[in-house]
């Protein structure tokens, strides 16, 4: 499932970005690390339907968090916004694939 791989890679990027994007505030760094770790783990273990929900909901949070933490560098804002949008779509797309797999096996 390509969604799982992409979620895992985006999670890894979020972890790395927390350290390499300059001007990020402490809240941004912690948010990027925590969410990135969850995406990484949930992405590479995307065998259950709830993983897609977790990934998608955290994607929505990442979009919101781009606006929540004031004073962050513009690069951090755009990073969180773009990643949040991508991962939201990917997380919820994985749900449709789970449903298709259930119908094929039934």
PDB file of N, CA and C in Angstrom:
ATOM      1  N   UNK A   1       0.845  -1.179   0.000  1.00  0.00           N
ATOM      2  CA  UNK A   1       0.000   0.000   0.000  1.00  0.00           C
ATOM      3  C   UNK A   1       0.888   1.240   0.000  1.00  0.00           C
ATOM      4  N   UNK A   2       0.811   1.959  -1.096  1.00  0.00           N
ATOM      5  CA  UNK A   2       1.662   3.140  -1.256  1.00  0.00           C
ATOM      6  C   UNK A   2       1.367   4.221  -0.228  1.00  0.00           C
ATOM      7  N   UNK A   3       0.125   4.265   0.271  1.00  0.00           N
ATOM      8  CA  UNK A   3      -0.226   5.282   1.269  1.00  0.00           C
ATOM      9  C   UNK A   3       0.592   5.111   2.547  1.00  0.00           C
ATOM     10  N   UNK A   4       0.804   3.884   2.947  1.00  0.00           N
ATOM     11  CA  UNK A   4       1.591   3.614   4.143  1.00  0.00           C
ATOM     12  C   UNK A   4       3.034   4.059   3.986  1.00  0.00           C
ATOM     13  N   UNK A   5       3.616   3.731   2.826  1.00  0.00           N
ATOM     14  CA  UNK A   5       4.994   4.148   2.572  1.00  0.00           C
ATOM     15  C   UNK A   5       5.110   5.663   2.556  1.00  0.00           C
ATOM     16  N   UNK A   6       4.180   6.319   1.874  1.00  0.00           N
ATOM     17  CA  UNK A   6       4.232   7.782   1.800  1.00  0.00           C
ATOM     18  C   UNK A   6       4.051   8.402   3.183  1.00  0.00           C
ATOM     19  N   UNK A   7       3.150   7.859   3.971  1.00  0.00           N
ATOM     20  CA  UNK A   7       2.948   8.361   5.336  1.00  0.00           C
ATOM     21  C   UNK A   7       4.208   8.185   6.176  1.00  0.00           C
ATOM     22  N   UNK A   8       4.842   7.043   6.053  1.00  0.00           N
ATOM     23  CA  UNK A   8       6.080   6.801   6.790  1.00  0.00           C
ATOM     24  C   UNK A   8       7.195   7.743   6.380  1.00  0.00           C
ATOM     25  N   UNK A   9       7.319   7.981   5.074  1.00  0.00           N
ATOM     26  CA  UNK A   9       8.351   8.892   4.574  1.00  0.00           C
ATOM     27  C   UNK A   9       8.066  10.320   5.015  1.00  0.00           C
ATOM     28  N   UNK A  10       6.810  10.744   4.940  1.00  0.00           N
ATOM     29  CA  UNK A  10       6.447  12.090   5.396  1.00  0.00           C
ATOM     30  C   UNK A  10       6.686  12.217   6.898  1.00  0.00           C
ATOM     31  N   UNK A  11       6.398  11.172   7.648  1.00  0.00           N
ATOM     32  CA  UNK A  11       6.685  11.190   9.082  1.00  0.00           C
ATOM     33  C   UNK A  11       8.167  11.357   9.358  1.00  0.00           C
ATOM     34  N   UNK A  12       8.986  10.633   8.598  1.00  0.00           N
ATOM     35  CA  UNK A  12      10.434  10.769   8.741  1.00  0.00           C
ATOM     36  C   UNK A  12      10.881  12.185   8.387  1.00  0.00           C
ATOM     37  N   UNK A  13      10.316  12.749   7.316  1.00  0.00           N
ATOM     38  CA  UNK A  13      10.643  14.127   6.941  1.00  0.00           C
ATOM     39  C   UNK A  13      10.254  15.101   8.053  1.00  0.00           C
ATOM     40  N   UNK A  14       9.107  14.901   8.650  1.00  0.00           N
ATOM     41  CA  UNK A  14       8.662  15.788   9.724  1.00  0.00           C
ATOM     42  C   UNK A  14       9.638  15.754  10.897  1.00  0.00           C
ATOM     43  N   UNK A  15      10.146  14.573  11.207  1.00  0.00           N
ATOM     44  CA  UNK A  15      11.132  14.442  12.285  1.00  0.00           C
ATOM     45  C   UNK A  15      12.413  15.185  11.924  1.00  0.00           C
ATOM     46  N   UNK A  16      12.901  14.977  10.712  1.00  0.00           N
ATOM     47  CA  UNK A  16      14.129  15.638  10.262  1.00  0.00           C
ATOM     48  C   UNK A  16      13.926  17.145  10.174  1.00  0.00           C
ATOM     49  N   UNK A  17      12.781  17.569   9.631  1.00  0.00           N
ATOM     50  CA  UNK A  17      12.506  18.999   9.451  1.00  0.00           C
ATOM     51  C   UNK A  17      12.472  19.743  10.777  1.00  0.00           C
ATOM     52  N   UNK A  18      12.083  19.061  11.829  1.00  0.00           N
ATOM     53  CA  UNK A  18      12.050  19.701  13.149  1.00  0.00           C
ATOM     54  C   UNK A  18      13.428  20.218  13.543  1.00  0.00           C
ATOM     55  N   UNK A  19      14.465  19.568  13.038  1.00  0.00           N
ATOM     56  CA  UNK A  19      15.827  19.957  13.395  1.00  0.00           C
ATOM     57  C   UNK A  19      16.512  20.843  12.358  1.00  0.00           C
ATOM     58  N   UNK A  20      16.057  20.784  11.101  1.00  0.00           N
ATOM     59  CA  UNK A  20      16.791  21.534  10.080  1.00  0.00           C
ATOM     60  C   UNK A  20      16.125  22.839   9.660  1.00  0.00           C
ATOM     61  N   UNK A  21      14.841  23.007   9.930  1.00  0.00           N
ATOM     62  CA  UNK A  21      14.184  24.268   9.582  1.00  0.00           C
ATOM     63  C   UNK A  21      14.515  25.281  10.667  1.00  0.00           C
ATOM     64  N   UNK A  22      15.176  26.332  10.269  1.00  0.00           N
ATOM     65  CA  UNK A  22      15.591  27.348  11.240  1.00  0.00           C
ATOM     66  C   UNK A  22      14.433  28.287  11.547  1.00  0.00           C
ATOM     67  N   UNK A  23      14.432  28.806  12.733  1.00  0.00           N
ATOM     68  CA  UNK A  23      13.416  29.763  13.144  1.00  0.00           C
ATOM     69  C   UNK A  23      12.164  29.151  13.731  1.00  0.00           C
ATOM     70  N   UNK A  24      12.145  27.832  13.866  1.00  0.00           N
ATOM     71  CA  UNK A  24      10.970  27.176  14.440  1.00  0.00           C
ATOM     72  C   UNK A  24      10.969  27.373  15.952  1.00  0.00           C
ATOM     73  N   UNK A  25       9.805  27.611  16.488  1.00  0.00           N
ATOM     74  CA  UNK A  25       9.645  27.759  17.936  1.00  0.00           C
ATOM     75  C   UNK A  25       9.574  26.380  18.590  1.00  0.00           C
ATOM     76  N   UNK A  26       9.718  26.344  19.891  1.00  0.00           N
ATOM     77  CA  UNK A  26       9.715  25.082  20.630  1.00  0.00           C
ATOM     78  C   UNK A  26       8.438  24.287  20.379  1.00  0.00           C
ATOM     79  N   UNK A  27       7.296  24.962  20.352  1.00  0.00           N
ATOM     80  CA  UNK A  27       6.029  24.280  20.092  1.00  0.00           C
ATOM     81  C   UNK A  27       6.003  23.619  18.729  1.00  0.00           C
ATOM     82  N   UNK A  28       6.565  24.311  17.720  1.00  0.00           N
ATOM     83  CA  UNK A  28       6.635  23.728  16.380  1.00  0.00           C
ATOM     84  C   UNK A  28       7.506  22.481  16.360  1.00  0.00           C
ATOM     85  N   UNK A  29       8.641  22.567  17.005  1.00  0.00           N
ATOM     86  CA  UNK A  29       9.580  21.448  17.012  1.00  0.00           C
ATOM     87  C   UNK A  29       8.954  20.230  17.691  1.00  0.00           C
ATOM     88  N   UNK A  30       8.349  20.433  18.840  1.00  0.00           N
ATOM     89  CA  UNK A  30       7.710  19.326  19.560  1.00  0.00           C
ATOM     90  C   UNK A  30       6.569  18.744  18.730  1.00  0.00           C
ATOM     91  N   UNK A  31       5.751  19.608  18.148  1.00  0.00           N
ATOM     92  CA  UNK A  31       4.643  19.155  17.307  1.00  0.00           C
ATOM     93  C   UNK A  31       5.162  18.331  16.128  1.00  0.00           C
ATOM     94  N   UNK A  32       6.181  18.843  15.437  1.00  0.00           N
ATOM     95  CA  UNK A  32       6.732  18.126  14.285  1.00  0.00           C
ATOM     96  C   UNK A  32       7.302  16.770  14.692  1.00  0.00           C
ATOM     97  N   UNK A  33       7.960  16.717  15.836  1.00  0.00           N
ATOM     98  CA  UNK A  33       8.541  15.454  16.303  1.00  0.00           C
ATOM     99  C   UNK A  33       7.472  14.433  16.683  1.00  0.00           C
ATOM    100  N   UNK A  34       6.523  14.847  17.497  1.00  0.00           N
ATOM    101  CA  UNK A  34       5.494  13.919  17.978  1.00  0.00           C
ATOM    102  C   UNK A  34       4.641  13.403  16.821  1.00  0.00           C
ATOM    103  N   UNK A  35       4.149  14.319  16.006  1.00  0.00           N
ATOM    104  CA  UNK A  35       3.299  13.908  14.882  1.00  0.00           C
ATOM    105  C   UNK A  35       4.112  13.096  13.876  1.00  0.00           C
ATOM    106  N   UNK A  36       5.349  13.497  13.634  1.00  0.00           N
ATOM    107  CA  UNK A  36       6.203  12.760  12.704  1.00  0.00           C
ATOM    108  C   UNK A  36       6.441  11.328  13.148  1.00  0.00           C
ATOM    109  N   UNK A  37       6.685  11.133  14.426  1.00  0.00           N
ATOM    110  CA  UNK A  37       6.898   9.775  14.948  1.00  0.00           C
ATOM    111  C   UNK A  37       5.629   8.935  14.787  1.00  0.00           C
ATOM    112  N   UNK A  38       4.484   9.522  15.091  1.00  0.00           N
ATOM    113  CA  UNK A  38       3.218   8.781  14.945  1.00  0.00           C
ATOM    114  C   UNK A  38       2.971   8.433  13.483  1.00  0.00           C
ATOM    115  N   UNK A  39       3.190   9.393  12.569  1.00  0.00           N
ATOM    116  CA  UNK A  39       3.021   9.112  11.135  1.00  0.00           C
ATOM    117  C   UNK A  39       3.965   8.020  10.673  1.00  0.00           C
ATOM    118  N   UNK A  40       5.198   8.091  11.131  1.00  0.00           N
ATOM    119  CA  UNK A  40       6.196   7.101  10.736  1.00  0.00           C
ATOM    120  C   UNK A  40       5.748   5.697  11.149  1.00  0.00           C
ATOM    121  N   UNK A  41       5.377   5.549  12.404  1.00  0.00           N
ATOM    122  CA  UNK A  41       4.959   4.240  12.916  1.00  0.00           C
ATOM    123  C   UNK A  41       3.647   3.797  12.265  1.00  0.00           C
ATOM    124  N   UNK A  42       2.658   4.682  12.234  1.00  0.00           N
ATOM    125  CA  UNK A  42       1.352   4.322  11.660  1.00  0.00           C
ATOM    126  C   UNK A  42       1.460   4.054  10.165  1.00  0.00           C
ATOM    127  N   UNK A  43       2.330   4.779   9.486  1.00  0.00           N
ATOM    128  CA  UNK A  43       2.485   4.594   8.048  1.00  0.00           C
ATOM    129  C   UNK A  43       3.066   3.245   7.688  1.00  0.00           C
ATOM    130  N   UNK A  44       4.103   2.842   8.404  1.00  0.00           N
ATOM    131  CA  UNK A  44       4.746   1.577   8.084  1.00  0.00           C
ATOM    132  C   UNK A  44       4.039   0.377   8.701  1.00  0.00           C
ATOM    133  N   UNK A  45       2.998   0.631   9.472  1.00  0.00           N
ATOM    134  CA  UNK A  45       2.183  -0.466  10.002  1.00  0.00           C
ATOM    135  C   UNK A  45       0.736  -0.296   9.554  1.00  0.00           C
ATOM    136  N   UNK A  46       0.550   0.250   8.364  1.00  0.00           N
ATOM    137  CA  UNK A  46      -0.792   0.576   7.866  1.00  0.00           C
ATOM    138  C   UNK A  46      -1.512  -0.694   7.413  1.00  0.00           C
ATOM    139  N   UNK A  47      -1.824  -1.531   8.372  1.00  0.00           N
ATOM    140  CA  UNK A  47      -2.537  -2.769   8.065  1.00  0.00           C
ATOM    141  C   UNK A  47      -3.948  -2.757   8.628  1.00  0.00           C
ATOM    142  N   UNK A  48      -4.232  -1.807   9.446  1.00  0.00           N
ATOM    143  CA  UNK A  48      -5.563  -1.706  10.045  1.00  0.00           C
ATOM    144  C   UNK A  48      -6.216  -0.402   9.611  1.00  0.00           C
ATOM    145  N   UNK A  49      -7.515  -0.425   9.565  1.00  0.00           N
ATOM    146  CA  UNK A  49      -8.254   0.736   9.091  1.00  0.00           C
ATOM    147  C   UNK A  49      -8.056   1.955   9.991  1.00  0.00           C
ATOM    148  N   UNK A  50      -7.915   1.740  11.284  1.00  0.00           N
ATOM    149  CA  UNK A  50      -7.794   2.876  12.195  1.00  0.00           C
ATOM    150  C   UNK A  50      -6.513   3.663  11.950  1.00  0.00           C
ATOM    151  N   UNK A  51      -5.483   3.024  11.380  1.00  0.00           N
ATOM    152  CA  UNK A  51      -4.255   3.759  11.073  1.00  0.00           C
ATOM    153  C   UNK A  51      -4.531   4.893  10.093  1.00  0.00           C
ATOM    154  N   UNK A  52      -5.374   4.630   9.101  1.00  0.00           N
ATOM    155  CA  UNK A  52      -5.733   5.666   8.132  1.00  0.00           C
ATOM    156  C   UNK A  52      -6.440   6.836   8.792  1.00  0.00           C
ATOM    157  N   UNK A  53      -7.300   6.520   9.750  1.00  0.00           N
ATOM    158  CA  UNK A  53      -7.981   7.585  10.495  1.00  0.00           C
ATOM    159  C   UNK A  53      -6.984   8.417  11.287  1.00  0.00           C
ATOM    160  N   UNK A  54      -6.072   7.746  11.960  1.00  0.00           N
ATOM    161  CA  UNK A  54      -5.063   8.457  12.760  1.00  0.00           C
ATOM    162  C   UNK A  54      -4.220   9.357  11.868  1.00  0.00           C
ATOM    163  N   UNK A  55      -3.761   8.817  10.750  1.00  0.00           N
ATOM    164  CA  UNK A  55      -2.926   9.593   9.830  1.00  0.00           C
ATOM    165  C   UNK A  55      -3.699  10.784   9.281  1.00  0.00           C
ATOM    166  N   UNK A  56      -4.942  10.565   8.856  1.00  0.00           N
ATOM    167  CA  UNK A  56      -5.751  11.655   8.305  1.00  0.00           C
ATOM    168  C   UNK A  56      -6.069  12.739   9.316  1.00  0.00           C
ATOM    169  N   UNK A  57      -6.447  12.340  10.514  1.00  0.00           N
ATOM    170  CA  UNK A  57      -6.785  13.325  11.555  1.00  0.00           C
ATOM    171  C   UNK A  57      -5.549  14.118  11.966  1.00  0.00           C
ATOM    172  N   UNK A  58      -4.405  13.451  12.077  1.00  0.00           N
ATOM    173  CA  UNK A  58      -3.175  14.181  12.389  1.00  0.00           C
ATOM    174  C   UNK A  58      -2.773  15.111  11.242  1.00  0.00           C
ATOM    175  N   UNK A  59      -3.139  14.744  10.020  1.00  0.00           N
ATOM    176  CA  UNK A  59      -2.906  15.648   8.889  1.00  0.00           C
ATOM    177  C   UNK A  59      -3.713  16.924   9.032  1.00  0.00           C
ATOM    178  N   UNK A  60      -4.973  16.774   9.440  1.00  0.00           N
ATOM    179  CA  UNK A  60      -5.813  17.957   9.688  1.00  0.00           C
ATOM    180  C   UNK A  60      -5.200  18.795  10.802  1.00  0.00           C
ATOM    181  N   UNK A  61      -4.741  18.138  11.867  1.00  0.00           N
ATOM    182  CA  UNK A  61      -4.089  18.868  12.957  1.00  0.00           C
ATOM    183  C   UNK A  61      -2.857  19.622  12.456  1.00  0.00           C
ATOM    184  N   UNK A  62      -2.083  19.003  11.572  1.00  0.00           N
ATOM    185  CA  UNK A  62      -0.875  19.658  11.070  1.00  0.00           C
ATOM    186  C   UNK A  62      -1.229  20.922  10.294  1.00  0.00           C
ATOM    187  N   UNK A  63      -2.307  20.886   9.521  1.00  0.00           N
ATOM    188  CA  UNK A  63      -2.767  22.090   8.810  1.00  0.00           C
ATOM    189  C   UNK A  63      -3.154  23.159   9.823  1.00  0.00           C
ATOM    190  N   UNK A  64      -3.933  22.774  10.822  1.00  0.00           N
ATOM    191  CA  UNK A  64      -4.358  23.732  11.854  1.00  0.00           C
ATOM    192  C   UNK A  64      -3.154  24.262  12.620  1.00  0.00           C
ATOM    193  N   UNK A  65      -2.208  23.383  12.941  1.00  0.00           N
ATOM    194  CA  UNK A  65      -1.051  23.798  13.742  1.00  0.00           C
ATOM    195  C   UNK A  65      -0.172  24.803  13.013  1.00  0.00           C
ATOM    196  N   UNK A  66      -0.244  24.816  11.698  1.00  0.00           N
ATOM    197  CA  UNK A  66       0.518  25.821  10.950  1.00  0.00           C
ATOM    198  C   UNK A  66       0.062  27.227  11.327  1.00  0.00           C
ATOM    199  N   UNK A  67      -1.201  27.356  11.712  1.00  0.00           N
ATOM    200  CA  UNK A  67      -1.759  28.654  12.094  1.00  0.00           C
ATOM    201  C   UNK A  67      -1.762  28.873  13.610  1.00  0.00           C
ATOM    202  N   UNK A  68      -1.608  27.795  14.378  1.00  0.00           N
ATOM    203  CA  UNK A  68      -1.728  27.870  15.835  1.00  0.00           C
ATOM    204  C   UNK A  68      -0.482  28.443  16.497  1.00  0.00           C
ATOM    205  N   UNK A  69       0.684  28.023  16.041  1.00  0.00           N
ATOM    206  CA  UNK A  69       1.928  28.442  16.685  1.00  0.00           C
ATOM    207  C   UNK A  69       2.411  29.759  16.090  1.00  0.00           C
ATOM    208  N   UNK A  70       2.187  30.866  16.792  1.00  0.00           N
ATOM    209  CA  UNK A  70       2.569  32.169  16.245  1.00  0.00           C
ATOM    210  C   UNK A  70       4.082  32.379  16.308  1.00  0.00           C
ATOM    211  N   UNK A  71       4.570  33.183  15.396  1.00  0.00           N
ATOM    212  CA  UNK A  71       5.973  33.561  15.409  1.00  0.00           C
ATOM    213  C   UNK A  71       6.920  32.554  14.797  1.00  0.00           C
ATOM    214  N   UNK A  72       6.399  31.494  14.222  1.00  0.00           N
ATOM    215  CA  UNK A  72       7.273  30.504  13.592  1.00  0.00           C
ATOM    216  C   UNK A  72       7.781  31.048  12.259  1.00  0.00           C
ATOM    217  N   UNK A  73       8.880  30.509  11.814  1.00  0.00           N
ATOM    218  CA  UNK A  73       9.443  30.913  10.529  1.00  0.00           C
ATOM    219  C   UNK A  73       8.468  30.565   9.411  1.00  0.00           C
ATOM    220  N   UNK A  74       8.488  31.360   8.354  1.00  0.00           N
ATOM    221  CA  UNK A  74       7.586  31.132   7.219  1.00  0.00           C
ATOM    222  C   UNK A  74       7.841  29.762   6.591  1.00  0.00           C
ATOM    223  N   UNK A  75       9.089  29.305   6.615  1.00  0.00           N
ATOM    224  CA  UNK A  75       9.382  27.978   6.069  1.00  0.00           C
ATOM    225  C   UNK A  75       8.708  26.883   6.886  1.00  0.00           C
ATOM    226  N   UNK A  76       8.652  27.055   8.190  1.00  0.00           N
ATOM    227  CA  UNK A  76       7.972  26.086   9.043  1.00  0.00           C
ATOM    228  C   UNK A  76       6.472  26.104   8.782  1.00  0.00           C
ATOM    229  N   UNK A  77       5.912  27.295   8.613  1.00  0.00           N
ATOM    230  CA  UNK A  77       4.487  27.433   8.316  1.00  0.00           C
ATOM    231  C   UNK A  77       4.134  26.667   7.042  1.00  0.00           C
ATOM    232  N   UNK A  78       4.875  26.932   5.958  1.00  0.00           N
ATOM    233  CA  UNK A  78       4.570  26.289   4.681  1.00  0.00           C
ATOM    234  C   UNK A  78       4.852  24.790   4.721  1.00  0.00           C
ATOM    235  N   UNK A  79       5.889  24.395   5.405  1.00  0.00           N
ATOM    236  CA  UNK A  79       6.193  22.976   5.547  1.00  0.00           C
ATOM    237  C   UNK A  79       5.021  22.251   6.212  1.00  0.00           C
ATOM    238  N   UNK A  80       4.561  22.775   7.341  1.00  0.00           N
ATOM    239  CA  UNK A  80       3.457  22.131   8.059  1.00  0.00           C
ATOM    240  C   UNK A  80       2.163  22.157   7.252  1.00  0.00           C
ATOM    241  N   UNK A  81       1.902  23.257   6.573  1.00  0.00           N
ATOM    242  CA  UNK A  81       0.672  23.379   5.793  1.00  0.00           C
ATOM    243  C   UNK A  81       0.647  22.385   4.631  1.00  0.00           C
ATOM    244  N   UNK A  82       1.717  22.351   3.851  1.00  0.00           N
ATOM    245  CA  UNK A  82       1.761  21.464   2.685  1.00  0.00           C
ATOM    246  C   UNK A  82       1.767  19.996   3.111  1.00  0.00           C
ATOM    247  N   UNK A  83       2.598  19.664   4.081  1.00  0.00           N
ATOM    248  CA  UNK A  83       2.639  18.279   4.564  1.00  0.00           C
ATOM    249  C   UNK A  83       1.284  17.873   5.143  1.00  0.00           C
ATOM    250  N   UNK A  84       0.662  18.768   5.884  1.00  0.00           N
ATOM    251  CA  UNK A  84      -0.645  18.471   6.464  1.00  0.00           C
ATOM    252  C   UNK A  84      -1.696  18.161   5.417  1.00  0.00           C
ATOM    253  N   UNK A  85      -1.712  18.946   4.351  1.00  0.00           N
ATOM    254  CA  UNK A  85      -2.683  18.715   3.271  1.00  0.00           C
ATOM    255  C   UNK A  85      -2.414  17.373   2.594  1.00  0.00           C
ATOM    256  N   UNK A  86      -1.154  17.131   2.261  1.00  0.00           N
ATOM    257  CA  UNK A  86      -0.799  15.878   1.579  1.00  0.00           C
ATOM    258  C   UNK A  86      -1.153  14.671   2.438  1.00  0.00           C
ATOM    259  N   UNK A  87      -0.772  14.701   3.693  1.00  0.00           N
ATOM    260  CA  UNK A  87      -0.963  13.536   4.553  1.00  0.00           C
ATOM    261  C   UNK A  87      -2.437  13.324   4.906  1.00  0.00           C
ATOM    262  N   UNK A  88      -3.216  14.399   4.949  1.00  0.00           N
ATOM    263  CA  UNK A  88      -4.660  14.252   5.171  1.00  0.00           C
ATOM    264  C   UNK A  88      -5.279  13.466   4.024  1.00  0.00           C
ATOM    265  N   UNK A  89      -4.951  13.856   2.809  1.00  0.00           N
ATOM    266  CA  UNK A  89      -5.480  13.166   1.630  1.00  0.00           C
ATOM    267  C   UNK A  89      -5.019  11.708   1.616  1.00  0.00           C
ATOM    268  N   UNK A  90      -3.737  11.491   1.863  1.00  0.00           N
ATOM    269  CA  UNK A  90      -3.186  10.135   1.844  1.00  0.00           C
ATOM    270  C   UNK A  90      -3.828   9.261   2.925  1.00  0.00           C
ATOM    271  N   UNK A  91      -3.983   9.802   4.121  1.00  0.00           N
ATOM    272  CA  UNK A  91      -4.576   9.029   5.212  1.00  0.00           C
ATOM    273  C   UNK A  91      -5.993   8.593   4.907  1.00  0.00           C
ATOM    274  N   UNK A  92      -6.788   9.513   4.381  1.00  0.00           N
ATOM    275  CA  UNK A  92      -8.173   9.160   4.095  1.00  0.00           C
ATOM    276  C   UNK A  92      -8.301   8.320   2.825  1.00  0.00           C
ATOM    277  N   UNK A  93      -7.359   8.452   1.888  1.00  0.00           N
ATOM    278  CA  UNK A  93      -7.356   7.566   0.722  1.00  0.00           C
ATOM    279  C   UNK A  93      -7.087   6.120   1.129  1.00  0.00           C
ATOM    280  N   UNK A  94      -6.277   5.944   2.147  1.00  0.00           N
ATOM    281  CA  UNK A  94      -5.986   4.583   2.601  1.00  0.00           C
ATOM    282  C   UNK A  94      -7.246   3.894   3.120  1.00  0.00           C
ATOM    283  N   UNK A  95      -8.196   4.677   3.615  1.00  0.00           N
ATOM    284  CA  UNK A  95      -9.457   4.090   4.089  1.00  0.00           C
ATOM    285  C   UNK A  95     -10.236   3.466   2.947  1.00  0.00           C
ATOM    286  N   UNK A  96     -10.237   4.118   1.787  1.00  0.00           N
ATOM    287  CA  UNK A  96     -10.959   3.563   0.640  1.00  0.00           C
ATOM    288  C   UNK A  96     -10.302   2.275   0.168  1.00  0.00           C
ATOM    289  N   UNK A  97      -8.977   2.214   0.240  1.00  0.00           N
ATOM    290  CA  UNK A  97      -8.290   0.988  -0.156  1.00  0.00           C
ATOM    291  C   UNK A  97      -8.602  -0.153   0.806  1.00  0.00           C
ATOM    292  N   UNK A  98      -8.705   0.159   2.096  1.00  0.00           N
ATOM    293  CA  UNK A  98      -9.077  -0.872   3.077  1.00  0.00           C
ATOM    294  C   UNK A  98     -10.473  -1.408   2.782  1.00  0.00           C
ATOM    295  N   UNK A  99     -11.398  -0.532   2.428  1.00  0.00           N
ATOM    296  CA  UNK A  99     -12.762  -0.967   2.125  1.00  0.00           C
ATOM    297  C   UNK A  99     -12.782  -1.843   0.881  1.00  0.00           C
ATOM    298  N   UNK A 100     -11.990  -1.475  -0.148  1.00  0.00           N
ATOM    299  CA  UNK A 100     -11.928  -2.276  -1.364  1.00  0.00           C
ATOM    300  C   UNK A 100     -11.355  -3.659  -1.077  1.00  0.00           C
ATOM    301  N   UNK A 101     -10.332  -3.717  -0.215  1.00  0.00           N
ATOM    302  CA  UNK A 101      -9.731  -5.003   0.133  1.00  0.00           C
ATOM    303  C   UNK A 101     -10.720  -5.884   0.888  1.00  0.00           C
ATOM    304  N   UNK A 102     -11.541  -5.282   1.750  1.00  0.00           N
ATOM    305  CA  UNK A 102     -12.530  -6.051   2.500  1.00  0.00           C
ATOM    306  C   UNK A 102     -13.581  -6.627   1.566  1.00  0.00           C
ATOM    307  N   UNK A 103     -13.987  -5.864   0.544  1.00  0.00           N
ATOM    308  CA  UNK A 103     -14.993  -6.350  -0.395  1.00  0.00           C
ATOM    309  C   UNK A 103     -14.440  -7.480  -1.260  1.00  0.00           C
ATOM    310  N   UNK A 104     -13.163  -7.416  -1.612  1.00  0.00           N
ATOM    311  CA  UNK A 104     -12.560  -8.446  -2.450  1.00  0.00           C
ATOM    312  C   UNK A 104     -12.406  -9.762  -1.704  1.00  0.00           C
ATOM    313  N   UNK A 105     -12.121  -9.679  -0.408  1.00  0.00           N
ATOM    314  CA  UNK A 105     -11.926 -10.906   0.367  1.00  0.00           C
ATOM    315  C   UNK A 105     -13.233 -11.512   0.850  1.00  0.00           C
ATOM    316  N   UNK A 106     -14.299 -10.744   0.825  1.00  0.00           N
ATOM    317  CA  UNK A 106     -15.585 -11.238   1.324  1.00  0.00           C
ATOM    318  C   UNK A 106     -16.291 -12.099   0.308  1.00  0.00           C
TER     319      UNK A 106
END
